[in-house]
C-alpha atoms as a PDB file:
ATOM      1  CA  MET A   1       0.000  -0.005   0.005  1.00  0.00           C
ATOM      2  CA  THR A   2       1.217   3.491  -0.838  1.00  0.00           C
ATOM      3  CA  ARG A   3       2.479   5.373   2.213  1.00  0.00           C
ATOM      4  CA  ILE A   4       2.337   9.191   2.322  1.00  0.00           C
ATOM      5  CA  VAL A   5       2.867  11.129   5.513  1.00  0.00           C
ATOM      6  CA  VAL A   6       1.747  14.649   6.305  1.00  0.00           C
ATOM      7  CA  VAL A   7       4.488  16.777   7.790  1.00  0.00           C
ATOM      8  CA  ASP A   8       2.927  18.950  10.474  1.00  0.00           C
ATOM      9  CA  ASN A   9       3.951  22.583  10.105  1.00  0.00           C
ATOM     10  CA  HIS A  10       1.442  23.610  12.784  1.00  0.00           C
ATOM     11  CA  GLY A  11      -1.349  24.511  10.369  1.00  0.00           C
ATOM     12  CA  GLN A  12      -5.023  24.480  11.222  1.00  0.00           C
ATOM     13  CA  PHE A  13      -5.936  22.075   8.389  1.00  0.00           C
ATOM     14  CA  THR A  14      -3.174  19.463   8.837  1.00  0.00           C
ATOM     15  CA  HIS A  15      -5.683  16.895  10.152  1.00  0.00           C
ATOM     16  CA  LEU A  16      -7.817  17.440   7.054  1.00  0.00           C
ATOM     17  CA  GLU A  17      -4.848  16.708   4.777  1.00  0.00           C
ATOM     18  CA  HIS A  18      -4.345  13.479   6.694  1.00  0.00           C
ATOM     19  CA  ARG A  19      -8.029  12.621   6.423  1.00  0.00           C
ATOM     20  CA  ALA A  20      -8.094  13.305   2.652  1.00  0.00           C
ATOM     21  CA  LEU A  21      -5.226  10.863   2.151  1.00  0.00           C
ATOM     22  CA  ARG A  22      -6.758   8.253   4.451  1.00  0.00           C
ATOM     23  CA  ASP A  23     -10.100   8.537   2.674  1.00  0.00           C
ATOM     24  CA  ALA A  24      -8.274   8.016  -0.642  1.00  0.00           C
ATOM     25  CA  GLY A  25      -7.034   4.625   0.651  1.00  0.00           C
ATOM     26  CA  VAL A  26      -3.462   5.652   1.455  1.00  0.00           C
ATOM     27  CA  ASP A  27      -1.472   4.468   4.495  1.00  0.00           C
ATOM     28  CA  THR A  28      -0.868   7.819   6.205  1.00  0.00           C
ATOM     29  CA  ASP A  29       0.184   9.471   9.420  1.00  0.00           C
ATOM     30  CA  ILE A  30       0.907  12.974  10.655  1.00  0.00           C
ATOM     31  CA  VAL A  31       4.541  13.446  11.664  1.00  0.00           C
ATOM     32  CA  ASP A  32       6.211  16.354  13.446  1.00  0.00           C
ATOM     33  CA  ASN A  33       8.377  18.519  11.212  1.00  0.00           C
ATOM     34  CA  THR A  34      11.376  17.766  13.443  1.00  0.00           C
ATOM     35  CA  THR A  35      11.283  14.050  12.552  1.00  0.00           C
ATOM     36  CA  PRO A  36      14.643  12.969  11.095  1.00  0.00           C
ATOM     37  CA  PRO A  37      14.270  12.156   7.368  1.00  0.00           C
ATOM     38  CA  GLU A  38      15.965   8.785   7.857  1.00  0.00           C
ATOM     39  CA  ASP A  39      13.086   7.813  10.192  1.00  0.00           C
ATOM     40  CA  LEU A  40      10.533   8.257   7.383  1.00  0.00           C
ATOM     41  CA  ASP A  41       9.899   5.162   5.284  1.00  0.00           C
ATOM     42  CA  VAL A  42       7.507   6.705   2.776  1.00  0.00           C
ATOM     43  CA  ASP A  43       6.466   6.816  -0.868  1.00  0.00           C
ATOM     44  CA  GLY A  44       5.604  10.536  -0.660  1.00  0.00           C
ATOM     45  CA  LEU A  45       5.254  13.550   1.641  1.00  0.00           C
ATOM     46  CA  VAL A  46       2.809  16.384   2.062  1.00  0.00           C
ATOM     47  CA  LEU A  47       4.283  19.532   3.622  1.00  0.00           C
ATOM     48  CA  SER A  48       1.317  21.032   5.432  1.00  0.00           C
ATOM     49  CA  GLY A  49       0.389  24.647   5.744  1.00  0.00           C
ATOM     50  CA  GLY A  50       1.223  26.580   8.863  1.00  0.00           C
ATOM     51  CA  PRO A  51       1.496  30.004  10.459  1.00  0.00           C
ATOM     52  CA  ASP A  52       5.054  31.051   9.606  1.00  0.00           C
ATOM     53  CA  MET A  53       8.526  30.192   8.320  1.00  0.00           C
ATOM     54  CA  ASP A  54      10.033  30.314  11.820  1.00  0.00           C
ATOM     55  CA  ARG A  55       8.688  26.852  12.688  1.00  0.00           C
ATOM     56  CA  ILE A  56       9.495  24.711   9.626  1.00  0.00           C
ATOM     57  CA  GLY A  57      11.692  22.185  11.415  1.00  0.00           C
ATOM     58  CA  ARG A  58      13.534  19.896   8.994  1.00  0.00           C
ATOM     59  CA  CYS A  59      11.389  20.589   5.938  1.00  0.00           C
ATOM     60  CA  ALA A  60      14.399  21.553   3.826  1.00  0.00           C
ATOM     61  CA  GLU A  61      15.876  18.097   4.421  1.00  0.00           C
ATOM     62  CA  TYR A  62      12.647  16.414   3.321  1.00  0.00           C
ATOM     63  CA  LEU A  63      12.972  18.005  -0.102  1.00  0.00           C
ATOM     64  CA  GLU A  64      16.140  15.917  -0.638  1.00  0.00           C
ATOM     65  CA  MET A  65      14.534  12.542   0.135  1.00  0.00           C
ATOM     66  CA  ASP A  66      13.962  11.515  -3.500  1.00  0.00           C
ATOM     67  CA  VAL A  67      10.196  10.964  -3.008  1.00  0.00           C
ATOM     68  CA  PRO A  68       7.309  13.040  -4.398  1.00  0.00           C
ATOM     69  CA  VAL A  69       6.474  16.071  -2.256  1.00  0.00           C
ATOM     70  CA  LEU A  70       3.290  18.137  -2.302  1.00  0.00           C
ATOM     71  CA  GLY A  71       3.617  21.515  -0.573  1.00  0.00           C
ATOM     72  CA  ILE A  72       0.352  23.110   0.511  1.00  0.00           C
ATOM     73  CA  CYS A  73       0.282  26.882   1.230  1.00  0.00           C
ATOM     74  CA  LEU A  74       3.229  27.311   3.655  1.00  0.00           C
ATOM     75  CA  GLY A  75       4.534  23.978   2.343  1.00  0.00           C
ATOM     76  CA  MET A  76       4.765  25.476  -1.138  1.00  0.00           C
ATOM     77  CA  GLN A  77       6.424  28.566   0.282  1.00  0.00           C
ATOM     78  CA  ILE A  78       8.993  26.409   2.128  1.00  0.00           C
ATOM     79  CA  MET A  79       9.772  24.683  -1.129  1.00  0.00           C
ATOM     80  CA  ALA A  80      10.284  28.000  -2.886  1.00  0.00           C
ATOM     81  CA  THR A  81      12.526  29.575  -0.259  1.00  0.00           C
ATOM     82  CA  GLN A  82      14.641  26.479   0.255  1.00  0.00           C
ATOM     83  CA  LEU A  83      15.201  25.963  -3.473  1.00  0.00           C
ATOM     84  CA  ASP A  84      16.198  29.531  -4.499  1.00  0.00           C
ATOM     85  CA  GLY A  85      12.757  30.971  -5.167  1.00  0.00           C
ATOM     86  CA  ALA A  86      11.224  33.865  -3.275  1.00  0.00           C
ATOM     87  CA  VAL A  87       8.216  34.502  -1.050  1.00  0.00           C
ATOM     88  CA  ASP A  88       6.748  37.893  -0.113  1.00  0.00           C
ATOM     89  CA  ALA A  89       3.639  39.302   1.493  1.00  0.00           C
ATOM     90  CA  GLY A  90       0.554  38.954  -0.631  1.00  0.00           C
ATOM     91  CA  ASP A  91      -1.854  41.755  -1.428  1.00  0.00           C
ATOM     92  CA  TYR A  92      -4.770  39.891   0.167  1.00  0.00           C
ATOM     93  CA  GLY A  93      -4.557  38.406   3.677  1.00  0.00           C
ATOM     94  CA  GLY A  94      -6.993  35.905   5.110  1.00  0.00           C
ATOM     95  CA  TYR A  95      -8.887  33.128   3.401  1.00  0.00           C
ATOM     96  CA  ALA A  96     -10.982  33.603   0.297  1.00  0.00           C
ATOM     97  CA  ASP A  97     -12.823  31.678  -2.387  1.00  0.00           C
ATOM     98  CA  VAL A  98     -10.683  32.086  -5.513  1.00  0.00           C
ATOM     99  CA  THR A  99     -11.010  31.034  -9.157  1.00  0.00           C
ATOM    100  CA  VAL A 100      -7.695  29.525 -10.227  1.00  0.00           C
ATOM    101  CA  ARG A 101      -6.729  29.177 -13.904  1.00  0.00           C
ATOM    102  CA  ILE A 102      -4.549  26.190 -14.781  1.00  0.00           C
ATOM    103  CA  VAL A 103      -1.808  27.411 -17.112  1.00  0.00           C
ATOM    104  CA  ASP A 104      -0.140  23.999 -17.653  1.00  0.00           C
ATOM    105  CA  ALA A 105      -2.751  21.412 -18.599  1.00  0.00           C
ATOM    106  CA  ASP A 106       0.020  18.772 -18.874  1.00  0.00           C
ATOM    107  CA  ASP A 107       1.126  19.101 -15.248  1.00  0.00           C
ATOM    108  CA  PRO A 108       0.674  15.730 -13.505  1.00  0.00           C
ATOM    109  CA  VAL A 109      -0.855  17.178 -10.331  1.00  0.00           C
ATOM    110  CA  VAL A 110      -2.974  20.222 -11.319  1.00  0.00           C
ATOM    111  CA  GLY A 111      -3.261  19.743 -15.094  1.00  0.00           C
ATOM    112  CA  SER A 112      -6.488  17.707 -14.912  1.00  0.00           C
ATOM    113  CA  LEU A 113      -8.231  20.623 -13.172  1.00  0.00           C
ATOM    114  CA  ALA A 114      -7.971  22.756 -16.359  1.00  0.00           C
ATOM    115  CA  PRO A 115      -9.143  25.141 -17.506  1.00  0.00           C
ATOM    116  CA  GLU A 116     -10.059  26.493 -14.047  1.00  0.00           C
ATOM    117  CA  THR A 117     -11.158  25.468 -10.576  1.00  0.00           C
ATOM    118  CA  ARG A 118     -12.588  27.135  -7.457  1.00  0.00           C
ATOM    119  CA  VAL A 119     -10.372  26.916  -4.363  1.00  0.00           C
ATOM    120  CA  TRP A 120     -10.097  28.103  -0.774  1.00  0.00           C
ATOM    121  CA  ALA A 121      -6.818  29.922  -0.266  1.00  0.00           C
ATOM    122  CA  SER A 122      -4.893  32.254   1.994  1.00  0.00           C
ATOM    123  CA  HIS A 123      -2.662  34.861   0.398  1.00  0.00           C
ATOM    124  CA  ALA A 124      -1.044  36.574   3.378  1.00  0.00           C
ATOM    125  CA  ASP A 125       2.250  35.313   1.953  1.00  0.00           C
ATOM    126  CA  GLU A 126       2.854  33.885  -1.517  1.00  0.00           C
ATOM    127  CA  VAL A 127       5.557  32.680  -3.884  1.00  0.00           C
ATOM    128  CA  VAL A 128       6.715  35.598  -6.054  1.00  0.00           C
ATOM    129  CA  GLU A 129       9.652  33.950  -7.791  1.00  0.00           C
ATOM    130  CA  LEU A 130       9.824  30.358  -8.966  1.00  0.00           C
ATOM    131  CA  PRO A 131      12.760  28.212  -7.865  1.00  0.00           C
ATOM    132  CA  THR A 132      15.136  27.014 -10.598  1.00  0.00           C
ATOM    133  CA  GLY A 133      13.665  24.095 -12.532  1.00  0.00           C
ATOM    134  CA  PHE A 134      10.064  24.814 -11.576  1.00  0.00           C
ATOM    135  CA  THR A 135       7.168  25.517 -13.956  1.00  0.00           C
ATOM    136  CA  HIS A 136       4.359  27.953 -13.219  1.00  0.00           C
ATOM    137  CA  THR A 137       1.214  25.769 -13.356  1.00  0.00           C
ATOM    138  CA  ALA A 138      -1.685  27.895 -12.061  1.00  0.00           C
ATOM    139  CA  THR A 139      -2.596  31.568 -11.539  1.00  0.00           C
ATOM    140  CA  SER A 140      -5.464  33.749 -10.321  1.00  0.00           C
ATOM    141  CA  ASP A 141      -6.477  37.411 -10.158  1.00  0.00           C
ATOM    142  CA  VAL A 142      -5.367  37.373  -6.503  1.00  0.00           C
ATOM    143  CA  CYS A 143      -2.002  35.610  -6.838  1.00  0.00           C
ATOM    144  CA  ASP A 144       0.220  35.142  -9.878  1.00  0.00           C
ATOM    145  CA  ILE A 145       1.849  31.863  -8.742  1.00  0.00           C
ATOM    146  CA  GLU A 146      -1.021  29.764  -7.377  1.00  0.00           C
ATOM    147  CA  ALA A 147       0.791  26.513  -8.191  1.00  0.00           C
ATOM    148  CA  MET A 148       4.184  25.326  -9.362  1.00  0.00           C
ATOM    149  CA  SER A 149       5.946  22.062 -10.093  1.00  0.00           C
ATOM    150  CA  ASP A 150       9.241  20.443 -10.920  1.00  0.00           C
ATOM    151  CA  ALA A 151       8.007  17.168 -12.355  1.00  0.00           C
ATOM    152  CA  ASP A 152      11.573  15.926 -12.937  1.00  0.00           C
ATOM    153  CA  ARG A 153      12.148  16.012  -9.162  1.00  0.00           C
ATOM    154  CA  ASP A 154       8.470  15.240  -8.282  1.00  0.00           C
ATOM    155  CA  LEU A 155       8.089  18.453  -6.313  1.00  0.00           C
ATOM    156  CA  TYR A 156       4.672  20.149  -6.441  1.00  0.00           C
ATOM    157  CA  GLY A 157       3.204  23.156  -4.665  1.00  0.00           C
ATOM    158  CA  VAL A 158      -0.218  24.771  -4.429  1.00  0.00           C
ATOM    159  CA  GLN A 159      -1.058  28.007  -2.616  1.00  0.00           C
ATOM    160  CA  TRP A 160      -4.599  26.778  -1.956  1.00  0.00           C
ATOM    161  CA  HIS A 161      -6.004  24.124   0.404  1.00  0.00           C
ATOM    162  CA  PRO A 162      -7.181  21.042  -1.544  1.00  0.00           C
ATOM    163  CA  GLU A 163      -8.153  19.346   1.757  1.00  0.00           C
ATOM    164  CA  VAL A 164     -11.046  21.668   2.645  1.00  0.00           C
ATOM    165  CA  ALA A 165     -14.641  21.308   1.430  1.00  0.00           C
ATOM    166  CA  HIS A 166     -14.622  24.784  -0.117  1.00  0.00           C
ATOM    167  CA  THR A 167     -12.091  23.613  -2.752  1.00  0.00           C
ATOM    168  CA  GLU A 168     -14.094  22.032  -5.579  1.00  0.00           C
ATOM    169  CA  GLU A 169     -11.621  19.507  -6.964  1.00  0.00           C
ATOM    170  CA  GLY A 170      -9.407  18.853  -3.969  1.00  0.00           C
ATOM    171  CA  GLU A 171      -9.937  15.100  -4.030  1.00  0.00           C
ATOM    172  CA  GLU A 172      -8.817  14.989  -7.679  1.00  0.00           C
ATOM    173  CA  LEU A 173      -5.645  16.925  -6.846  1.00  0.00           C
ATOM    174  CA  PHE A 174      -4.821  14.465  -4.039  1.00  0.00           C
ATOM    175  CA  ALA A 175      -5.553  11.505  -6.382  1.00  0.00           C
ATOM    176  CA  ASN A 176      -3.168  12.939  -8.954  1.00  0.00           C
ATOM    177  CA  PHE A 177      -0.449  13.317  -6.294  1.00  0.00           C
ATOM    178  CA  ILE A 178      -1.036   9.789  -5.016  1.00  0.00           C
ATOM    179  CA  GLU A 179      -0.459   8.492  -8.557  1.00  0.00           C
ATOM    180  CA  ARG A 180       2.919  10.197  -8.556  1.00  0.00           C
ATOM    181  CA  CYS A 181       3.811   8.348  -5.335  1.00  0.00           C
ATOM    182  CA  ARG A 182       2.892   4.854  -6.612  1.00  0.00           C
END
């Protein structure tokens, strides 16, 4: 059975990410973000959202594990900052219902959501510069880089929260990521 763990970055929806994976039939647990990478026997990782960059534990090390990684909100921002991209304050704080346009229909994680999808997202902080090797995969009127990926390294990030009921095609996004982990 495919095993994907959710790395807890102290976000309010971490338990919902875990539940989405469990409901999809994946062997899953929530692990603290200080867990040594060598203690994780997994087929994939989800870097959860969270309140700030000051409490990201060993997330940078997890990006070097040679397994698919899905970064959600802060998880995507961690990916960007650790891999030479940039994050800055967004123009819109708080959560909002946002229409996201998929700009790369061939992307293995968000491509099937094309041409657009409705999501629940926070834009207090956002990726403003892609890391080297990443492709811009989704955008919105609120945030230019709503999603990004480096399919060669199996690293994927979304600014929105696919695990919440307000996101229309969250289950499909998780199913696409699970396929990358098999």
